[in-house]
Protein backbone atom coordinates (compact mmCIF):
# COMPACT_ATOMS: atom_id res chain seq x y z
CA UNK A 1 90.14 83.55 112.26
CA UNK A 2 91.93 80.26 112.91
CA UNK A 3 92.48 78.17 109.76
CA UNK A 4 91.96 74.43 109.56
CA UNK A 5 95.29 72.78 108.76
CA UNK A 6 95.99 69.12 108.08
CA UNK A 7 99.42 67.79 107.17
CA UNK A 8 99.56 64.44 105.44
CA UNK A 9 103.03 63.16 106.15
CA UNK A 10 105.27 61.17 108.44
CA UNK A 11 107.08 62.08 111.64
CA UNK A 12 110.26 60.50 110.25
CA UNK A 13 110.05 62.36 106.93
CA UNK A 14 112.54 65.23 106.76
CA UNK A 15 110.31 67.28 104.45
CA UNK A 16 107.34 66.76 106.75
CA UNK A 17 109.49 67.79 109.72
CA UNK A 18 110.42 71.13 108.13
CA UNK A 19 106.74 72.03 107.66
CA UNK A 20 105.88 70.98 111.22
CA UNK A 21 108.73 73.12 112.58
CA UNK A 22 107.32 76.21 110.86
CA UNK A 23 103.82 75.45 112.14
CA UNK A 24 105.25 75.26 115.66
CA UNK A 25 107.10 78.54 115.14
CA UNK A 26 103.89 80.19 113.95
CA UNK A 27 101.96 78.58 116.83
CA UNK A 28 99.27 77.41 114.44
CA UNK A 29 97.01 74.48 115.40
CA UNK A 30 97.27 71.57 112.98
CA UNK A 31 96.51 67.90 112.60
CA UNK A 32 99.16 65.46 111.41
CA UNK A 33 97.60 62.66 109.39
CA UNK A 34 100.32 60.01 109.56
CA UNK A 35 101.16 58.34 106.24
CA UNK A 36 102.79 54.91 106.56
CA UNK A 37 105.81 55.22 104.29
CA UNK A 38 107.05 51.71 105.11
CA UNK A 39 103.91 50.17 103.58
CA UNK A 40 103.98 52.51 100.58
CA UNK A 41 100.80 54.35 101.55
CA UNK A 42 102.12 57.44 99.78
CA UNK A 43 101.75 55.53 96.48
CA UNK A 44 98.16 54.43 97.16
CA UNK A 45 95.33 55.59 94.89
CA UNK A 46 93.81 57.56 97.75
CA UNK A 47 97.01 59.48 98.49
CA UNK A 48 97.81 60.05 94.81
CA UNK A 49 94.59 62.05 94.60
CA UNK A 50 96.26 64.49 97.03
CA UNK A 51 99.71 64.42 95.43
CA UNK A 52 100.11 62.69 92.06
CA UNK A 53 103.86 62.42 92.67
CA UNK A 54 103.30 60.17 95.69
CA UNK A 55 105.45 62.11 98.15
CA UNK A 56 104.92 63.69 101.56
CA UNK A 57 104.05 66.16 102.92
CA UNK A 58 100.76 67.46 101.61
CA UNK A 59 99.04 70.48 103.13
CA UNK A 60 95.25 70.65 103.28
CA UNK A 61 94.38 74.24 104.22
CA UNK A 62 91.09 75.99 104.78
CA UNK A 63 90.73 79.62 105.90
CA UNK A 64 87.31 79.00 107.43
CA UNK A 65 84.48 76.48 107.44
CA UNK A 66 82.83 78.37 104.59
CA UNK A 67 85.89 78.14 102.31
CA UNK A 68 86.96 75.23 100.14
CA UNK A 69 90.14 73.27 100.85
CA UNK A 70 93.44 74.30 99.33
CA UNK A 71 95.84 71.43 98.61
CA UNK A 72 99.57 72.10 98.35
CA UNK A 73 102.56 69.80 98.07
CA UNK A 74 106.36 70.25 97.89
CA UNK A 75 107.67 71.24 101.30
CA UNK A 76 109.39 74.48 100.30
CA UNK A 77 106.24 75.67 98.54
CA UNK A 78 104.30 74.92 101.74
CA UNK A 79 106.89 76.79 103.81
CA UNK A 80 106.56 79.86 101.58
CA UNK A 81 102.76 79.71 101.64
CA UNK A 82 102.46 79.41 105.42
CA UNK A 83 105.06 82.10 106.08
CA UNK A 84 103.35 84.53 103.70
CA UNK A 85 99.91 83.72 105.07
CA UNK A 86 100.60 83.90 108.81
CA UNK A 87 103.85 85.75 109.33
CA UNK A 88 102.53 88.81 111.16
CA UNK A 89 105.17 89.28 113.86
CA UNK A 90 108.34 87.36 112.94
CA UNK A 91 109.38 87.55 109.30
CA UNK A 92 110.17 83.96 108.36
CA UNK A 93 110.21 84.71 104.61
CA UNK A 94 111.55 88.26 104.41
CA UNK A 95 113.19 88.75 101.02
CA UNK A 96 114.89 87.43 97.91
CA UNK A 97 118.03 86.54 99.88
CA UNK A 98 116.01 84.12 101.96
CA UNK A 99 114.53 82.73 98.76
CA UNK A 100 118.01 82.36 97.28
CA UNK A 101 119.28 80.32 100.24
CA UNK A 102 116.13 78.23 100.19
CA UNK A 103 116.96 77.35 96.58
CA UNK A 104 120.61 76.72 97.46
CA UNK A 105 119.48 74.24 100.11
CA UNK A 106 117.21 72.54 97.57
CA UNK A 107 119.69 72.38 94.69
CA UNK A 108 123.07 72.03 96.40
CA UNK A 109 122.87 71.06 100.09
CA UNK A 110 119.96 68.64 99.97
CA UNK A 111 121.17 66.30 97.17
CA UNK A 112 124.37 65.04 98.86
CA UNK A 113 122.75 65.05 102.32
CA UNK A 114 119.78 63.03 101.11
CA UNK A 115 122.03 60.42 99.50
CA UNK A 116 124.09 59.98 102.67
CA UNK A 117 121.07 59.86 104.95
CA UNK A 118 119.24 57.43 102.67
CA UNK A 119 122.18 55.01 102.65
CA UNK A 120 122.96 55.27 106.38
CA UNK A 121 119.53 55.79 107.92
CA UNK A 122 116.54 54.99 105.74
CA UNK A 123 118.00 51.80 104.28
CA UNK A 124 118.46 50.51 107.84
CA UNK A 125 114.88 51.40 108.67
CA UNK A 126 113.80 49.27 105.71
CA UNK A 127 116.02 46.38 106.76
CA UNK A 128 118.32 46.78 103.75
CA UNK A 129 122.01 45.98 104.26
CA UNK A 130 123.46 46.89 100.86
CA UNK A 131 124.89 50.29 101.82
CA UNK A 132 126.66 51.89 98.85
CA UNK A 133 129.93 53.13 100.40
CA UNK A 134 131.20 54.49 97.08
CA UNK A 135 128.08 56.62 96.71
CA UNK A 136 128.48 57.90 100.29
CA UNK A 137 132.09 58.91 99.68
CA UNK A 138 131.13 60.74 96.48
CA UNK A 139 128.27 62.51 98.27
CA UNK A 140 130.55 63.50 101.15
CA UNK A 141 132.95 65.08 98.65
CA UNK A 142 130.09 67.10 97.14
CA UNK A 143 128.82 68.01 100.62
CA UNK A 144 132.25 69.32 101.66
CA UNK A 145 132.26 71.70 98.70
CA UNK A 146 128.79 72.99 99.58
CA UNK A 147 129.57 73.40 103.29
CA UNK A 148 132.68 75.41 102.42
CA UNK A 149 130.41 77.86 100.59
CA UNK A 150 128.01 78.04 103.53
CA UNK A 151 130.94 78.60 105.88
CA UNK A 152 132.36 81.39 103.73
CA UNK A 153 129.02 83.18 103.45
CA UNK A 154 127.67 82.66 106.96
CA UNK A 155 128.47 86.13 108.31
CA UNK A 156 125.23 86.79 110.18
CA UNK A 157 123.27 85.08 112.95
CA UNK A 158 121.32 82.86 110.58
CA UNK A 159 121.55 81.52 107.04
CA UNK A 160 120.03 84.50 105.21
CA UNK A 161 120.49 87.28 107.78
CA UNK A 162 119.97 88.21 111.41
CA UNK A 163 116.55 86.55 111.75
CA UNK A 164 115.52 82.89 111.76
CA UNK A 165 113.74 82.08 108.49
CA UNK A 166 112.48 79.21 106.38
CA UNK A 167 115.97 79.12 104.83
CA UNK A 168 117.18 77.83 108.21
CA UNK A 169 114.23 75.52 108.72
CA UNK A 170 114.73 73.75 105.39
CA UNK A 171 118.31 72.79 106.30
CA UNK A 172 117.73 71.29 109.72
CA UNK A 173 115.91 67.93 109.32
CA UNK A 174 118.40 66.32 106.92
CA UNK A 175 121.33 67.75 108.86
CA UNK A 176 119.87 66.27 112.03
CA UNK A 177 119.83 62.79 110.46
CA UNK A 178 123.29 63.37 108.98
CA UNK A 179 124.78 64.24 112.37
CA UNK A 180 123.32 61.08 113.87
CA UNK A 181 125.20 58.92 111.38
CA UNK A 182 128.38 60.98 110.88
CA UNK A 183 128.77 62.53 114.34
CA UNK A 184 128.89 66.16 115.48
CA UNK A 185 132.64 66.34 115.01
CA UNK A 186 132.17 66.29 111.26
CA UNK A 187 130.61 69.77 111.30
CA UNK A 188 133.28 71.17 113.61
CA UNK A 189 135.59 71.62 110.64
CA UNK A 190 133.14 74.37 109.63
CA UNK A 191 133.07 76.46 112.86
CA UNK A 192 130.53 79.11 111.84
CA UNK A 193 128.20 76.53 110.36
CA UNK A 194 128.54 74.31 113.41
CA UNK A 195 127.76 77.25 115.71
CA UNK A 196 124.66 78.00 113.62
CA UNK A 197 123.57 74.37 113.80
CA UNK A 198 123.86 74.23 117.59
CA UNK A 199 121.98 77.53 117.95
CA UNK A 200 119.00 76.54 115.81
CA UNK A 201 118.82 73.05 117.30
CA UNK A 202 118.12 74.66 120.68
CA UNK A 203 114.88 76.29 119.46
CA UNK A 204 111.77 74.85 121.11
CA UNK A 205 110.01 74.25 117.81
CA UNK A 206 112.90 72.16 116.52
CA UNK A 207 113.38 70.24 119.75
CA UNK A 208 109.68 69.38 119.76
CA UNK A 209 109.66 68.00 116.21
CA UNK A 210 113.10 66.39 115.97
CA UNK A 211 113.61 65.00 119.50
């Protein structure tokens, strides 16, 4: 039975992009209900009924017409839910190691990346010119430490093993923005990580959502 899936989010939102990539990987039909972040729609009363924290994405999921809607937010929670629910052939959420690297991305890789991308990319989108160079330099220092750990531990085809998982998917959107503002050469100082990045960027699901 084909579920009814609606994603409330934005095509430019990195967290929305990660969920859309998994949906493409799973070949599940879905509807993207675009939320206008520039106008603050995510803080509207209507949206806050879906997610009281006022952030995208939100998943509205229904197994069948007879079932009631299930509402989920927080992108990594949505990734876990969809992988568990529909992962019949390719194991996108295989084990605790995958879960560990998903948490590492959330707690260690994402914070410096998000600061750099916000200053270099999203501020420009909003027409803001007050880029905080000191914050960027501090975030780059933190990012270097994290990437050294990824480089040291990346001894398989993908982040958590020999199969492509949600641990890989969660990393890609922010890295994609980061590369656009810092350049590909930045990652070349981490050869294994750079090779991984190039490999996953060539996947059809990722090319469809990010390009």
